[in-house]
Amino acid sequence: MLAQIAAARKLSGEVWMILTYQVPYRDEDATLTEKKERRMQKIAEEPTPEVSVATLDSLADCLIHKADVLDHLEQEAGDSELGREVGNDR
């Protein structure tokens, strides 16, 4: 746990320095950065696939179903929490 906190602190310090002073990351490998930028540019230039209305409707229905399942699970979890709280009062 302490190592995670130390790593998060170090990372947040680096991010703060980069954003505050607008300097590049100290340990940046310029070659890797260039490769990444070329790869991202190539991806950005690719044409976007067209999506039909039927596909969007299908995806929306799927998301609605998943949201309903999550709501149901949340209610079940709330009921079991309530049951434990009532049991602890006795």
C-alpha atoms as a PDB file:
ATOM      1  CA  MET A   1       0.000   0.000   0.000  1.00  0.00           C
ATOM      2  CA  LEU A   2       2.800   2.430   0.847  1.00  0.00           C
ATOM      3  CA  ALA A   3       4.513   1.713  -2.466  1.00  0.00           C
ATOM      4  CA  GLN A   4       1.293   2.502  -4.336  1.00  0.00           C
ATOM      5  CA  ILE A   5       0.943   5.786  -2.475  1.00  0.00           C
ATOM      6  CA  ALA A   6       4.565   6.683  -3.194  1.00  0.00           C
ATOM      7  CA  ALA A   7       4.166   5.857  -6.884  1.00  0.00           C
ATOM      8  CA  ALA A   8       0.927   7.880  -7.116  1.00  0.00           C
ATOM      9  CA  ARG A   9       2.621  10.831  -5.379  1.00  0.00           C
ATOM     10  CA  LYS A  10       5.597  10.699  -7.752  1.00  0.00           C
ATOM     11  CA  LEU A  11       3.338  10.449 -10.796  1.00  0.00           C
ATOM     12  CA  SER A  12       1.095  13.295  -9.643  1.00  0.00           C
ATOM     13  CA  GLY A  13       4.206  15.459  -9.086  1.00  0.00           C
ATOM     14  CA  GLU A  14       5.384  14.737 -12.633  1.00  0.00           C
ATOM     15  CA  VAL A  15       1.948  15.537 -14.074  1.00  0.00           C
ATOM     16  CA  TRP A  16       1.782  18.765 -12.063  1.00  0.00           C
ATOM     17  CA  MET A  17       5.222  19.799 -13.331  1.00  0.00           C
ATOM     18  CA  ILE A  18       4.323  19.016 -16.951  1.00  0.00           C
ATOM     19  CA  LEU A  19       1.012  20.898 -16.800  1.00  0.00           C
ATOM     20  CA  THR A  20       2.245  23.852 -14.743  1.00  0.00           C
ATOM     21  CA  TYR A  21       5.444  24.597 -16.604  1.00  0.00           C
ATOM     22  CA  GLN A  22       4.478  23.040 -19.948  1.00  0.00           C
ATOM     23  CA  VAL A  23       7.683  21.021 -20.110  1.00  0.00           C
ATOM     24  CA  PRO A  24       8.117  17.579 -21.690  1.00  0.00           C
ATOM     25  CA  TYR A  25       8.288  14.512 -19.496  1.00  0.00           C
ATOM     26  CA  ARG A  26      11.885  14.108 -18.304  1.00  0.00           C
ATOM     27  CA  ASP A  27      12.189  10.387 -19.006  1.00  0.00           C
ATOM     28  CA  GLU A  28      10.506  10.616 -22.390  1.00  0.00           C
ATOM     29  CA  ASP A  29      11.981   8.460 -25.146  1.00  0.00           C
ATOM     30  CA  ALA A  30      11.799  10.688 -28.242  1.00  0.00           C
ATOM     31  CA  THR A  31      11.858   7.749 -30.670  1.00  0.00           C
ATOM     32  CA  LEU A  32       8.948   6.021 -28.977  1.00  0.00           C
ATOM     33  CA  THR A  33       7.009   9.283 -28.891  1.00  0.00           C
ATOM     34  CA  GLU A  34       7.538   9.812 -32.614  1.00  0.00           C
ATOM     35  CA  LYS A  35       6.411   6.244 -33.384  1.00  0.00           C
ATOM     36  CA  LYS A  36       3.323   6.739 -31.257  1.00  0.00           C
ATOM     37  CA  GLU A  37       2.480  10.054 -32.924  1.00  0.00           C
ATOM     38  CA  ARG A  38       2.848   8.528 -36.417  1.00  0.00           C
ATOM     39  CA  ARG A  39       0.640   5.583 -35.400  1.00  0.00           C
ATOM     40  CA  MET A  40      -2.011   7.881 -33.912  1.00  0.00           C
ATOM     41  CA  GLN A  41      -1.945  10.129 -36.997  1.00  0.00           C
ATOM     42  CA  LYS A  42      -2.461   7.095 -39.234  1.00  0.00           C
ATOM     43  CA  ILE A  43      -5.418   5.985 -37.113  1.00  0.00           C
ATOM     44  CA  ALA A  44      -6.880   9.516 -37.175  1.00  0.00           C
ATOM     45  CA  GLU A  45      -6.705   9.608 -40.977  1.00  0.00           C
ATOM     46  CA  GLU A  46      -8.574   6.314 -41.411  1.00  0.00           C
ATOM     47  CA  PRO A  47     -12.155   6.729 -42.609  1.00  0.00           C
ATOM     48  CA  THR A  48     -14.827   6.220 -40.006  1.00  0.00           C
ATOM     49  CA  PRO A  49     -17.093   3.252 -40.611  1.00  0.00           C
ATOM     50  CA  GLU A  50     -20.709   4.099 -41.287  1.00  0.00           C
ATOM     51  CA  VAL A  51     -23.226   2.845 -38.763  1.00  0.00           C
ATOM     52  CA  SER A  52     -26.827   2.156 -39.682  1.00  0.00           C
ATOM     53  CA  VAL A  53     -29.822   3.305 -37.695  1.00  0.00           C
ATOM     54  CA  ALA A  54     -30.743  -0.344 -37.055  1.00  0.00           C
ATOM     55  CA  THR A  55     -27.331  -0.975 -35.515  1.00  0.00           C
ATOM     56  CA  LEU A  56     -27.671   2.086 -33.294  1.00  0.00           C
ATOM     57  CA  ASP A  57     -31.138   0.972 -32.192  1.00  0.00           C
ATOM     58  CA  SER A  58     -29.793  -2.483 -31.391  1.00  0.00           C
ATOM     59  CA  LEU A  59     -26.940  -1.041 -29.356  1.00  0.00           C
ATOM     60  CA  ALA A  60     -29.334   1.268 -27.501  1.00  0.00           C
ATOM     61  CA  ASP A  61     -31.594  -1.665 -26.605  1.00  0.00           C
ATOM     62  CA  CYS A  62     -28.574  -3.612 -25.367  1.00  0.00           C
ATOM     63  CA  LEU A  63     -27.481  -0.703 -23.175  1.00  0.00           C
ATOM     64  CA  ILE A  64     -30.976  -0.275 -21.766  1.00  0.00           C
ATOM     65  CA  HIS A  65     -31.082  -3.972 -20.878  1.00  0.00           C
ATOM     66  CA  LYS A  66     -27.677  -3.790 -19.191  1.00  0.00           C
ATOM     67  CA  ALA A  67     -28.758  -0.708 -17.232  1.00  0.00           C
ATOM     68  CA  ASP A  68     -31.872  -2.557 -16.063  1.00  0.00           C
ATOM     69  CA  VAL A  69     -29.738  -5.500 -14.915  1.00  0.00           C
ATOM     70  CA  LEU A  70     -27.410  -3.154 -13.027  1.00  0.00           C
ATOM     71  CA  ASP A  71     -30.369  -1.427 -11.367  1.00  0.00           C
ATOM     72  CA  HIS A  72     -31.732  -4.810 -10.320  1.00  0.00           C
ATOM     73  CA  LEU A  73     -28.362  -5.867  -8.881  1.00  0.00           C
ATOM     74  CA  GLU A  74     -28.049  -2.561  -7.051  1.00  0.00           C
ATOM     75  CA  GLN A  75     -31.491  -3.045  -5.512  1.00  0.00           C
ATOM     76  CA  GLU A  76     -30.571  -6.591  -4.444  1.00  0.00           C
ATOM     77  CA  ALA A  77     -27.342  -5.339  -2.898  1.00  0.00           C
ATOM     78  CA  GLY A  78     -29.260  -2.583  -1.115  1.00  0.00           C
ATOM     79  CA  ASP A  79     -31.763  -5.113   0.224  1.00  0.00           C
ATOM     80  CA  SER A  80     -28.986  -7.360   1.533  1.00  0.00           C
ATOM     81  CA  GLU A  81     -27.251  -4.350   3.134  1.00  0.00           C
ATOM     82  CA  LEU A  82     -30.529  -3.407   4.774  1.00  0.00           C
ATOM     83  CA  GLY A  83     -30.950  -6.966   6.006  1.00  0.00           C
ATOM     84  CA  ARG A  84     -27.503  -6.913   7.589  1.00  0.00           C
ATOM     85  CA  GLU A  85     -28.160  -3.549   9.219  1.00  0.00           C
ATOM     86  CA  VAL A  86     -31.429  -4.828  10.691  1.00  0.00           C
ATOM     87  CA  GLY A  87     -29.669  -7.978  11.896  1.00  0.00           C
ATOM     88  CA  ASN A  88     -26.955  -5.927  13.589  1.00  0.00           C
ATOM     89  CA  ASP A  89     -29.515  -3.893  15.547  1.00  0.00           C
ATOM     90  CA  ARG A  90     -30.740  -6.938  17.422  1.00  0.00           C
END
